[in-house]
PDB file of all heavy atoms in Angstrom:
ATOM      1  N   LEU A   1      72.710  96.000  -3.070  1.00  0.00           N
ATOM      2  CA  LEU A   1      72.069  95.401  -1.886  1.00  0.00           C
ATOM      3  C   LEU A   1      71.172  94.229  -2.299  1.00  0.00           C
ATOM      4  O   LEU A   1      71.176  93.154  -1.658  1.00  0.00           O
ATOM      5  CB  LEU A   1      71.230  96.448  -1.157  1.00  0.00           C
ATOM      6  CG  LEU A   1      70.480  95.933   0.072  1.00  0.00           C
ATOM      7  CD1 LEU A   1      71.412  95.342   1.108  1.00  0.00           C
ATOM      8  CD2 LEU A   1      69.683  97.124   0.695  1.00  0.00           C
ATOM      9  N   ALA A   2      70.474  94.426  -3.422  1.00  0.00           N
ATOM     10  CA  ALA A   2      69.634  93.316  -3.927  1.00  0.00           C
ATOM     11  C   ALA A   2      70.474  92.104  -4.298  1.00  0.00           C
ATOM     12  O   ALA A   2      70.093  90.955  -4.008  1.00  0.00           O
ATOM     13  CB  ALA A   2      68.849  93.796  -5.132  1.00  0.00           C
ATOM     14  N   ALA A   3      71.634  92.352  -4.887  1.00  0.00           N
ATOM     15  CA  ALA A   3      72.517  91.246  -5.270  1.00  0.00           C
ATOM     16  C   ALA A   3      73.035  90.536  -4.029  1.00  0.00           C
ATOM     17  O   ALA A   3      73.132  89.299  -3.985  1.00  0.00           O
ATOM     18  CB  ALA A   3      73.685  91.790  -6.076  1.00  0.00           C
ATOM     19  N   SER A   4      73.353  91.281  -2.990  1.00  0.00           N
ATOM     20  CA  SER A   4      73.841  90.711  -1.731  1.00  0.00           C
ATOM     21  C   SER A   4      72.752  89.819  -1.083  1.00  0.00           C
ATOM     22  O   SER A   4      73.038  88.717  -0.570  1.00  0.00           O
ATOM     23  CB  SER A   4      74.269  91.836  -0.803  1.00  0.00           C
ATOM     24  OG  SER A   4      74.674  91.303   0.457  1.00  0.00           O
ATOM     25  N   ILE A   5      71.511  90.319  -1.101  1.00  0.00           N
ATOM     26  CA  ILE A   5      70.413  89.534  -0.521  1.00  0.00           C
ATOM     27  C   ILE A   5      70.124  88.326  -1.379  1.00  0.00           C
ATOM     28  O   ILE A   5      69.879  87.204  -0.832  1.00  0.00           O
ATOM     29  CB  ILE A   5      69.182  90.448  -0.405  1.00  0.00           C
ATOM     30  CG1 ILE A   5      69.429  91.560   0.637  1.00  0.00           C
ATOM     31  CG2 ILE A   5      67.945  89.613  -0.009  1.00  0.00           C
ATOM     32  CD1 ILE A   5      68.295  92.569   0.756  1.00  0.00           C
ATOM     33  N   CYS A   6      70.146  88.464  -2.713  1.00  0.00           N
ATOM     34  CA  CYS A   6      69.938  87.336  -3.560  1.00  0.00           C
ATOM     35  C   CYS A   6      71.013  86.245  -3.314  1.00  0.00           C
ATOM     36  O   CYS A   6      70.675  85.074  -3.237  1.00  0.00           O
ATOM     37  CB  CYS A   6      69.998  87.779  -5.032  1.00  0.00           C
ATOM     38  SG  CYS A   6      69.735  86.482  -6.257  1.00  0.00           S
ATOM     39  N   ALA A   7      72.256  86.675  -3.190  1.00  0.00           N
ATOM     40  CA  ALA A   7      73.329  85.705  -2.913  1.00  0.00           C
ATOM     41  C   ALA A   7      73.100  84.988  -1.594  1.00  0.00           C
ATOM     42  O   ALA A   7      73.366  83.805  -1.468  1.00  0.00           O
ATOM     43  CB  ALA A   7      74.692  86.433  -2.921  1.00  0.00           C
ATOM     44  N   ARG A   8      72.632  85.724  -0.601  1.00  0.00           N
ATOM     45  CA  ARG A   8      72.405  85.160   0.704  1.00  0.00           C
ATOM     46  C   ARG A   8      71.394  84.016   0.698  1.00  0.00           C
ATOM     47  O   ARG A   8      71.529  83.026   1.446  1.00  0.00           O
ATOM     48  CB  ARG A   8      71.950  86.267   1.667  1.00  0.00           C
ATOM     49  CG  ARG A   8      71.370  85.801   3.008  1.00  0.00           C
ATOM     50  CD  ARG A   8      72.409  85.046   3.837  1.00  0.00           C
ATOM     51  NE  ARG A   8      71.860  84.702   5.148  1.00  0.00           N
ATOM     52  CZ  ARG A   8      71.012  83.701   5.379  1.00  0.00           C
ATOM     53  NH1 ARG A   8      70.674  82.924   4.355  1.00  0.00           N
ATOM     54  NH2 ARG A   8      70.564  83.445   6.556  1.00  0.00           N
ATOM     55  N   TYR A   9      70.409  84.097  -0.144  1.00  0.00           N
ATOM     56  CA  TYR A   9      69.347  83.087  -0.204  1.00  0.00           C
ATOM     57  C   TYR A   9      69.606  82.022  -1.286  1.00  0.00           C
ATOM     58  O   TYR A   9      68.778  81.143  -1.503  1.00  0.00           O
ATOM     59  CB  TYR A   9      67.972  83.717  -0.403  1.00  0.00           C
ATOM     60  CG  TYR A   9      67.466  84.413   0.838  1.00  0.00           C
ATOM     61  CD1 TYR A   9      67.420  85.801   0.925  1.00  0.00           C
ATOM     62  CD2 TYR A   9      67.035  83.693   1.927  1.00  0.00           C
ATOM     63  CE1 TYR A   9      66.953  86.451   2.050  1.00  0.00           C
ATOM     64  CE2 TYR A   9      66.552  84.325   3.061  1.00  0.00           C
ATOM     65  CZ  TYR A   9      66.524  85.715   3.116  1.00  0.00           C
ATOM     66  OH  TYR A   9      66.062  86.332   4.246  1.00  0.00           O
ATOM     67  N   SER A  10      70.734  82.112  -1.946  1.00  0.00           N
ATOM     68  CA  SER A  10      71.084  81.127  -2.991  1.00  0.00           C
ATOM     69  C   SER A  10      71.925  79.995  -2.387  1.00  0.00           C
ATOM     70  O   SER A  10      72.368  80.063  -1.231  1.00  0.00           O
ATOM     71  CB  SER A  10      71.887  81.794  -4.117  1.00  0.00           C
ATOM     72  OG  SER A  10      73.233  82.048  -3.684  1.00  0.00           O
ATOM     73  N   ASP A  11      72.155  78.966  -3.166  1.00  0.00           N
ATOM     74  CA  ASP A  11      72.991  77.863  -2.705  1.00  0.00           C
ATOM     75  C   ASP A  11      74.470  78.232  -2.654  1.00  0.00           C
ATOM     76  O   ASP A  11      75.301  77.430  -2.209  1.00  0.00           O
ATOM     77  CB  ASP A  11      72.810  76.622  -3.640  1.00  0.00           C
ATOM     78  CG  ASP A  11      71.456  75.981  -3.444  1.00  0.00           C
ATOM     79  OD1 ASP A  11      70.744  76.316  -2.472  1.00  0.00           O
ATOM     80  OD2 ASP A  11      71.084  75.139  -4.310  1.00  0.00           O
ATOM     81  N   ALA A  12      74.804  79.435  -3.131  1.00  0.00           N
ATOM     82  CA  ALA A  12      76.185  79.924  -3.088  1.00  0.00           C
ATOM     83  C   ALA A  12      76.444  80.787  -1.853  1.00  0.00           C
ATOM     84  O   ALA A  12      77.448  81.469  -1.767  1.00  0.00           O
ATOM     85  CB  ALA A  12      76.499  80.701  -4.360  1.00  0.00           C
ATOM     86  N   LYS A  13      75.541  80.763  -0.895  1.00  0.00           N
ATOM     87  CA  LYS A  13      75.591  81.702   0.245  1.00  0.00           C
ATOM     88  C   LYS A  13      76.837  81.540   1.111  1.00  0.00           C
ATOM     89  O   LYS A  13      77.174  82.449   1.850  1.00  0.00           O
ATOM     90  CB  LYS A  13      74.342  81.541   1.096  1.00  0.00           C
ATOM     91  CG  LYS A  13      74.162  80.165   1.716  1.00  0.00           C
ATOM     92  CD  LYS A  13      72.836  80.058   2.440  1.00  0.00           C
ATOM     93  CE  LYS A  13      72.616  78.660   2.989  1.00  0.00           C
ATOM     94  NZ  LYS A  13      71.297  78.522   3.649  1.00  0.00           N
ATOM     95  N   ARG A  14      77.522  80.371   1.041  1.00  0.00           N
ATOM     96  CA  ARG A  14      78.717  80.185   1.876  1.00  0.00           C
ATOM     97  C   ARG A  14      79.995  80.665   1.215  1.00  0.00           C
ATOM     98  O   ARG A  14      81.066  80.668   1.812  1.00  0.00           O
ATOM     99  CB  ARG A  14      78.831  78.746   2.286  1.00  0.00           C
ATOM    100  CG  ARG A  14      77.630  78.198   3.058  1.00  0.00           C
ATOM    101  CD  ARG A  14      77.874  76.848   3.633  1.00  0.00           C
ATOM    102  NE  ARG A  14      76.652  76.322   4.264  1.00  0.00           N
ATOM    103  CZ  ARG A  14      76.171  76.675   5.461  1.00  0.00           C
ATOM    104  NH1 ARG A  14      76.840  77.595   6.139  1.00  0.00           N
ATOM    105  NH2 ARG A  14      75.088  76.157   5.931  1.00  0.00           N
ATOM    106  N   LEU A  15      79.913  81.089  -0.040  1.00  0.00           N
ATOM    107  CA  LEU A  15      81.071  81.612  -0.713  1.00  0.00           C
ATOM    108  C   LEU A  15      81.334  83.056  -0.268  1.00  0.00           C
ATOM    109  O   LEU A  15      80.414  83.801   0.068  1.00  0.00           O
ATOM    110  CB  LEU A  15      80.835  81.624  -2.241  1.00  0.00           C
ATOM    111  CG  LEU A  15      80.600  80.258  -2.914  1.00  0.00           C
ATOM    112  CD1 LEU A  15      80.353  80.455  -4.409  1.00  0.00           C
ATOM    113  CD2 LEU A  15      81.794  79.347  -2.679  1.00  0.00           C
ATOM    114  N   PRO A  16      82.614  83.464  -0.215  1.00  0.00           N
ATOM    115  CA  PRO A  16      82.920  84.809   0.229  1.00  0.00           C
ATOM    116  C   PRO A  16      82.430  85.896  -0.724  1.00  0.00           C
ATOM    117  O   PRO A  16      82.008  86.955  -0.323  1.00  0.00           O
ATOM    118  CB  PRO A  16      84.462  84.819   0.334  1.00  0.00           C
ATOM    119  CG  PRO A  16      84.903  83.703  -0.575  1.00  0.00           C
ATOM    120  CD  PRO A  16      83.832  82.659  -0.485  1.00  0.00           C
ATOM    121  N   VAL A  17      82.433  85.552  -2.034  1.00  0.00           N
ATOM    122  CA  VAL A  17      81.965  86.514  -3.046  1.00  0.00           C
ATOM    123  C   VAL A  17      81.163  85.697  -4.087  1.00  0.00           C
ATOM    124  O   VAL A  17      81.606  84.624  -4.496  1.00  0.00           O
ATOM    125  CB  VAL A  17      83.120  87.251  -3.749  1.00  0.00           C
ATOM    126  CG1 VAL A  17      82.570  88.184  -4.848  1.00  0.00           C
ATOM    127  CG2 VAL A  17      83.922  88.042  -2.742  1.00  0.00           C
ATOM    128  N   VAL A  18      80.035  86.228  -4.475  1.00  0.00           N
ATOM    129  CA  VAL A  18      79.149  85.542  -5.427  1.00  0.00           C
ATOM    130  C   VAL A  18      78.846  86.467  -6.596  1.00  0.00           C
ATOM    131  O   VAL A  18      78.597  87.646  -6.422  1.00  0.00           O
ATOM    132  CB  VAL A  18      77.811  85.143  -4.734  1.00  0.00           C
ATOM    133  CG1 VAL A  18      76.874  84.510  -5.733  1.00  0.00           C
ATOM    134  CG2 VAL A  18      78.069  84.240  -3.543  1.00  0.00           C
ATOM    135  N   GLU A  19      78.914  85.916  -7.813  1.00  0.00           N
ATOM    136  CA  GLU A  19      78.576  86.708  -8.989  1.00  0.00           C
ATOM    137  C   GLU A  19      77.088  86.593  -9.232  1.00  0.00           C
ATOM    138  O   GLU A  19      76.551  85.508  -9.434  1.00  0.00           O
ATOM    139  CB  GLU A  19      79.327  86.220 -10.221  1.00  0.00           C
ATOM    140  CG  GLU A  19      79.031  87.063 -11.466  1.00  0.00           C
ATOM    141  CD  GLU A  19      79.878  86.656 -12.670  1.00  0.00           C
ATOM    142  OE1 GLU A  19      79.451  85.685 -13.357  1.00  0.00           O
ATOM    143  OE2 GLU A  19      80.897  87.284 -12.916  1.00  0.00           O
ATOM    144  N   VAL A  20      76.405  87.734  -9.168  1.00  0.00           N
ATOM    145  CA  VAL A  20      74.941  87.797  -9.358  1.00  0.00           C
ATOM    146  C   VAL A  20      74.658  88.482 -10.689  1.00  0.00           C
ATOM    147  O   VAL A  20      75.210  89.535 -11.003  1.00  0.00           O
ATOM    148  CB  VAL A  20      74.292  88.544  -8.181  1.00  0.00           C
ATOM    149  CG1 VAL A  20      72.781  88.641  -8.400  1.00  0.00           C
ATOM    150  CG2 VAL A  20      74.624  87.889  -6.867  1.00  0.00           C
ATOM    151  N   THR A  21      73.743  87.878 -11.439  1.00  0.00           N
ATOM    152  CA  THR A  21      73.319  88.482 -12.714  1.00  0.00           C
ATOM    153  C   THR A  21      72.094  89.335 -12.504  1.00  0.00           C
ATOM    154  O   THR A  21      71.098  88.855 -11.881  1.00  0.00           O
ATOM    155  CB  THR A  21      73.004  87.366 -13.729  1.00  0.00           C
ATOM    156  OG1 THR A  21      74.186  86.568 -13.935  1.00  0.00           O
ATOM    157  CG2 THR A  21      72.617  87.977 -15.066  1.00  0.00           C
ATOM    158  N   ALA A  22      72.111  90.556 -13.002  1.00  0.00           N
ATOM    159  CA  ALA A  22      70.942  91.428 -12.901  1.00  0.00           C
ATOM    160  C   ALA A  22      70.513  91.795 -14.333  1.00  0.00           C
ATOM    161  O   ALA A  22      71.305  92.323 -15.110  1.00  0.00           O
ATOM    162  CB  ALA A  22      71.303  92.707 -12.135  1.00  0.00           C
ATOM    163  N   VAL A  23      69.233  91.493 -14.633  1.00  0.00           N
ATOM    164  CA  VAL A  23      68.697  91.768 -15.970  1.00  0.00           C
ATOM    165  C   VAL A  23      67.594  92.774 -15.857  1.00  0.00           C
ATOM    166  O   VAL A  23      66.642  92.631 -15.046  1.00  0.00           O
ATOM    167  CB  VAL A  23      68.188  90.498 -16.609  1.00  0.00           C
ATOM    168  CG1 VAL A  23      67.568  90.752 -17.971  1.00  0.00           C
ATOM    169  CG2 VAL A  23      69.249  89.425 -16.678  1.00  0.00           C
ATOM    170  N   GLY A  24      67.667  93.851 -16.641  1.00  0.00           N
ATOM    171  CA  GLY A  24      66.631  94.853 -16.595  1.00  0.00           C
ATOM    172  C   GLY A  24      66.944  96.039 -17.512  1.00  0.00           C
ATOM    173  O   GLY A  24      68.086  96.324 -17.790  1.00  0.00           O
ATOM    174  N   LYS A  25      65.867  96.679 -17.965  1.00  0.00           N
ATOM    175  CA  LYS A  25      66.013  97.870 -18.821  1.00  0.00           C
ATOM    176  C   LYS A  25      66.875  97.588 -20.038  1.00  0.00           C
ATOM    177  O   LYS A  25      67.681  98.437 -20.461  1.00  0.00           O
ATOM    178  CB  LYS A  25      66.531  99.051 -18.023  1.00  0.00           C
ATOM    179  CG  LYS A  25      65.610  99.426 -16.846  1.00  0.00           C
ATOM    180  CD  LYS A  25      65.995 100.730 -16.180  1.00  0.00           C
ATOM    181  CE  LYS A  25      65.006 101.097 -15.097  1.00  0.00           C
ATOM    182  NZ  LYS A  25      65.302 102.341 -14.442  1.00  0.00           N
ATOM    183  N   GLY A  26      66.721  96.413 -20.581  1.00  0.00           N
ATOM    184  CA  GLY A  26      67.445  96.075 -21.795  1.00  0.00           C
ATOM    185  C   GLY A  26      68.893  95.722 -21.672  1.00  0.00           C
ATOM    186  O   GLY A  26      69.616  95.660 -22.664  1.00  0.00           O
ATOM    187  N   SER A  27      69.355  95.506 -20.432  1.00  0.00           N
ATOM    188  CA  SER A  27      70.788  95.207 -20.257  1.00  0.00           C
ATOM    189  C   SER A  27      70.936  94.086 -19.231  1.00  0.00           C
ATOM    190  O   SER A  27      70.048  93.756 -18.484  1.00  0.00           O
ATOM    191  CB  SER A  27      71.541  96.454 -19.789  1.00  0.00           C
ATOM    192  OG  SER A  27      71.064  96.861 -18.508  1.00  0.00           O
ATOM    193  N   GLU A  28      72.164  93.517 -19.223  1.00  0.00           N
ATOM    194  CA  GLU A  28      72.527  92.484 -18.263  1.00  0.00           C
ATOM    195  C   GLU A  28      73.786  92.892 -17.533  1.00  0.00           C
ATOM    196  O   GLU A  28      74.760  93.210 -18.201  1.00  0.00           O
ATOM    197  CB  GLU A  28      72.715  91.146 -18.981  1.00  0.00           C
ATOM    198  CG  GLU A  28      73.060  90.000 -18.001  1.00  0.00           C
ATOM    199  CD  GLU A  28      73.161  88.665 -18.765  1.00  0.00           C
ATOM    200  OE1 GLU A  28      72.128  88.207 -19.315  1.00  0.00           O
ATOM    201  OE2 GLU A  28      74.263  88.063 -18.752  1.00  0.00           O
ATOM    202  N   ILE A  29      73.750  92.872 -16.234  1.00  0.00           N
ATOM    203  CA  ILE A  29      74.860  93.326 -15.438  1.00  0.00           C
ATOM    204  C   ILE A  29      75.353  92.186 -14.533  1.00  0.00           C
ATOM    205  O   ILE A  29      74.570  91.429 -13.978  1.00  0.00           O
ATOM    206  CB  ILE A  29      74.447  94.534 -14.532  1.00  0.00           C
ATOM    207  CG1 ILE A  29      73.794  95.651 -15.352  1.00  0.00           C
ATOM    208  CG2 ILE A  29      75.636  95.040 -13.724  1.00  0.00           C
ATOM    209  CD1 ILE A  29      73.125  96.726 -14.532  1.00  0.00           C
ATOM    210  N   LYS A  30      76.650  92.053 -14.389  1.00  0.00           N
ATOM    211  CA  LYS A  30      77.259  91.135 -13.450  1.00  0.00           C
ATOM    212  C   LYS A  30      77.719  91.891 -12.233  1.00  0.00           C
ATOM    213  O   LYS A  30      78.516  92.836 -12.353  1.00  0.00           O
ATOM    214  CB  LYS A  30      78.426  90.351 -14.112  1.00  0.00           C
ATOM    215  CG  LYS A  30      78.050  89.587 -15.367  1.00  0.00           C
ATOM    216  CD  LYS A  30      77.124  88.413 -15.045  1.00  0.00           C
ATOM    217  CE  LYS A  30      76.849  87.559 -16.283  1.00  0.00           C
ATOM    218  NZ  LYS A  30      76.004  86.401 -16.026  1.00  0.00           N
ATOM    219  N   ILE A  31      77.258  91.445 -11.073  1.00  0.00           N
ATOM    220  CA  ILE A  31      77.594  92.157  -9.820  1.00  0.00           C
ATOM    221  C   ILE A  31      78.327  91.187  -8.895  1.00  0.00           C
ATOM    222  O   ILE A  31      77.818  90.091  -8.628  1.00  0.00           O
ATOM    223  CB  ILE A  31      76.333  92.684  -9.127  1.00  0.00           C
ATOM    224  CG1 ILE A  31      75.535  93.613 -10.070  1.00  0.00           C
ATOM    225  CG2 ILE A  31      76.682  93.410  -7.801  1.00  0.00           C
ATOM    226  CD1 ILE A  31      74.170  94.037  -9.523  1.00  0.00           C
ATOM    227  N   GLN A  32      79.484  91.566  -8.404  1.00  0.00           N
ATOM    228  CA  GLN A  32      80.203  90.778  -7.421  1.00  0.00           C
ATOM    229  C   GLN A  32      79.684  91.149  -6.039  1.00  0.00           C
ATOM    230  O   GLN A  32      79.839  92.291  -5.588  1.00  0.00           O
ATOM    231  CB  GLN A  32      81.698  91.035  -7.533  1.00  0.00           C
ATOM    232  CG  GLN A  32      82.309  90.778  -8.906  1.00  0.00           C
ATOM    233  CD  GLN A  32      82.094  89.347  -9.353  1.00  0.00           C
ATOM    234  OE1 GLN A  32      82.365  88.416  -8.586  1.00  0.00           O
ATOM    235  NE2 GLN A  32      81.684  89.143 -10.581  1.00  0.00           N
ATOM    236  N   ALA A  33      79.037  90.179  -5.376  1.00  0.00           N
ATOM    237  CA  ALA A  33      78.348  90.519  -4.115  1.00  0.00           C
ATOM    238  C   ALA A  33      78.804  89.594  -2.991  1.00  0.00           C
ATOM    239  O   ALA A  33      79.059  88.389  -3.189  1.00  0.00           O
ATOM    240  CB  ALA A  33      76.854  90.361  -4.305  1.00  0.00           C
ATOM    241  N   THR A  34      78.860  90.166  -1.771  1.00  0.00           N
ATOM    242  CA  THR A  34      79.094  89.383  -0.573  1.00  0.00           C
ATOM    243  C   THR A  34      77.713  89.031   0.006  1.00  0.00           C
ATOM    244  O   THR A  34      76.868  89.912   0.156  1.00  0.00           O
ATOM    245  CB  THR A  34      79.859  90.201   0.467  1.00  0.00           C
ATOM    246  OG1 THR A  34      81.146  90.576  -0.068  1.00  0.00           O
ATOM    247  CG2 THR A  34      80.074  89.411   1.739  1.00  0.00           C
ATOM    248  N   PRO A  35      77.457  87.763   0.268  1.00  0.00           N
ATOM    249  CA  PRO A  35      76.108  87.390   0.838  1.00  0.00           C
ATOM    250  C   PRO A  35      75.780  88.168   2.038  1.00  0.00           C
ATOM    251  O   PRO A  35      76.616  88.374   2.956  1.00  0.00           O
ATOM    252  CB  PRO A  35      76.310  85.903   1.129  1.00  0.00           C
ATOM    253  CG  PRO A  35      77.318  85.414   0.144  1.00  0.00           C
ATOM    254  CD  PRO A  35      78.294  86.564   0.030  1.00  0.00           C
ATOM    255  N   ALA A  36      74.540  88.685   2.106  1.00  0.00           N
ATOM    256  CA  ALA A  36      74.105  89.547   3.198  1.00  0.00           C
ATOM    257  C   ALA A  36      74.125  88.808   4.530  1.00  0.00           C
ATOM    258  O   ALA A  36      73.833  87.590   4.589  1.00  0.00           O
ATOM    259  CB  ALA A  36      72.695  90.059   2.905  1.00  0.00           C
ATOM    260  N   THR A  37      74.449  89.510   5.576  1.00  0.00           N
ATOM    261  CA  THR A  37      74.440  88.947   6.934  1.00  0.00           C
ATOM    262  C   THR A  37      72.995  88.995   7.477  1.00  0.00           C
ATOM    263  O   THR A  37      72.113  89.692   6.932  1.00  0.00           O
ATOM    264  CB  THR A  37      75.336  89.760   7.871  1.00  0.00           C
ATOM    265  OG1 THR A  37      74.810  91.075   7.968  1.00  0.00           O
ATOM    266  CG2 THR A  37      76.764  89.782   7.349  1.00  0.00           C
ATOM    267  N   ASN A  38      72.745  88.279   8.559  1.00  0.00           N
ATOM    268  CA  ASN A  38      71.423  88.309   9.206  1.00  0.00           C
ATOM    269  C   ASN A  38      71.105  89.725   9.664  1.00  0.00           C
ATOM    270  O   ASN A  38      69.955  90.145   9.654  1.00  0.00           O
ATOM    271  CB  ASN A  38      71.399  87.345  10.346  1.00  0.00           C
ATOM    272  CG  ASN A  38      71.331  85.927   9.911  1.00  0.00           C
ATOM    273  OD1 ASN A  38      70.972  85.621   8.786  1.00  0.00           O
ATOM    274  ND2 ASN A  38      71.735  84.989  10.820  1.00  0.00           N
ATOM    275  N   GLY A  39      72.081  90.478  10.105  1.00  0.00           N
ATOM    276  CA  GLY A  39      71.903  91.841  10.558  1.00  0.00           C
ATOM    277  C   GLY A  39      71.368  92.726   9.392  1.00  0.00           C
ATOM    278  O   GLY A  39      70.462  93.533   9.610  1.00  0.00           O
ATOM    279  N   ILE A  40      71.953  92.578   8.237  1.00  0.00           N
ATOM    280  CA  ILE A  40      71.514  93.362   7.093  1.00  0.00           C
ATOM    281  C   ILE A  40      70.101  92.971   6.693  1.00  0.00           C
ATOM    282  O   ILE A  40      69.237  93.834   6.450  1.00  0.00           O
ATOM    283  CB  ILE A  40      72.478  93.160   5.903  1.00  0.00           C
ATOM    284  CG1 ILE A  40      73.820  93.817   6.193  1.00  0.00           C
ATOM    285  CG2 ILE A  40      71.869  93.709   4.620  1.00  0.00           C
ATOM    286  CD1 ILE A  40      74.855  93.602   5.114  1.00  0.00           C
ATOM    287  N   LEU A  41      69.819  91.681   6.686  1.00  0.00           N
ATOM    288  CA  LEU A  41      68.474  91.232   6.333  1.00  0.00           C
ATOM    289  C   LEU A  41      67.460  91.800   7.317  1.00  0.00           C
ATOM    290  O   LEU A  41      66.388  92.311   6.901  1.00  0.00           O
ATOM    291  CB  LEU A  41      68.410  89.710   6.354  1.00  0.00           C
ATOM    292  CG  LEU A  41      69.289  88.941   5.352  1.00  0.00           C
ATOM    293  CD1 LEU A  41      69.145  87.432   5.564  1.00  0.00           C
ATOM    294  CD2 LEU A  41      68.898  89.292   3.947  1.00  0.00           C
ATOM    295  N   GLY A  42      67.774  91.742   8.582  1.00  0.00           N
ATOM    296  CA  GLY A  42      66.848  92.220   9.598  1.00  0.00           C
ATOM    297  C   GLY A  42      66.595  93.703   9.542  1.00  0.00           C
ATOM    298  O   GLY A  42      65.483  94.179   9.826  1.00  0.00           O
ATOM    299  N   SER A  43      67.593  94.474   9.139  1.00  0.00           N
ATOM    300  CA  SER A  43      67.444  95.953   9.078  1.00  0.00           C
ATOM    301  C   SER A  43      66.567  96.410   7.926  1.00  0.00           C
ATOM    302  O   SER A  43      66.017  97.525   7.987  1.00  0.00           O
ATOM    303  CB  SER A  43      68.829  96.606   9.017  1.00  0.00           C
ATOM    304  OG  SER A  43      69.483  96.233   7.802  1.00  0.00           O
ATOM    305  N   PHE A  44      66.437  95.619   6.910  1.00  0.00           N
ATOM    306  CA  PHE A  44      65.659  96.025   5.739  1.00  0.00           C
ATOM    307  C   PHE A  44      64.354  95.212   5.581  1.00  0.00           C
ATOM    308  O   PHE A  44      63.455  95.600   4.798  1.00  0.00           O
ATOM    309  CB  PHE A  44      66.470  95.894   4.455  1.00  0.00           C
ATOM    310  CG  PHE A  44      67.590  96.872   4.349  1.00  0.00           C
ATOM    311  CD1 PHE A  44      68.884  96.482   4.616  1.00  0.00           C
ATOM    312  CD2 PHE A  44      67.359  98.175   3.963  1.00  0.00           C
ATOM    313  CE1 PHE A  44      69.965  97.407   4.540  1.00  0.00           C
ATOM    314  CE2 PHE A  44      68.373  99.089   3.864  1.00  0.00           C
ATOM    315  CZ  PHE A  44      69.687  98.711   4.142  1.00  0.00           C
ATOM    316  N   ARG A  45      64.223  94.093   6.289  1.00  0.00           N
ATOM    317  CA  ARG A  45      63.075  93.240   6.088  1.00  0.00           C
ATOM    318  C   ARG A  45      61.752  93.893   6.521  1.00  0.00           C
ATOM    319  O   ARG A  45      61.694  94.580   7.521  1.00  0.00           O
ATOM    320  CB  ARG A  45      63.244  91.916   6.868  1.00  0.00           C
ATOM    321  CG  ARG A  45      62.127  90.911   6.648  1.00  0.00           C
ATOM    322  CD  ARG A  45      62.333  89.695   7.505  1.00  0.00           C
ATOM    323  NE  ARG A  45      63.319  88.827   6.951  1.00  0.00           N
ATOM    324  CZ  ARG A  45      64.368  88.302   7.626  1.00  0.00           C
ATOM    325  NH1 ARG A  45      64.514  88.635   8.864  1.00  0.00           N
ATOM    326  NH2 ARG A  45      65.214  87.523   7.035  1.00  0.00           N
TER     327      ARG A  45
END
């Protein structure tokens, strides 16, 4: 979900799928994410 929200606010937001990098706990993860819709943003904001 975080990757989807990150993609939504990036300059890649119009792409159907965005690769988001997540770094934490000593590792790096690549997540394929669909940019979040306004509905998703509103439900968690």
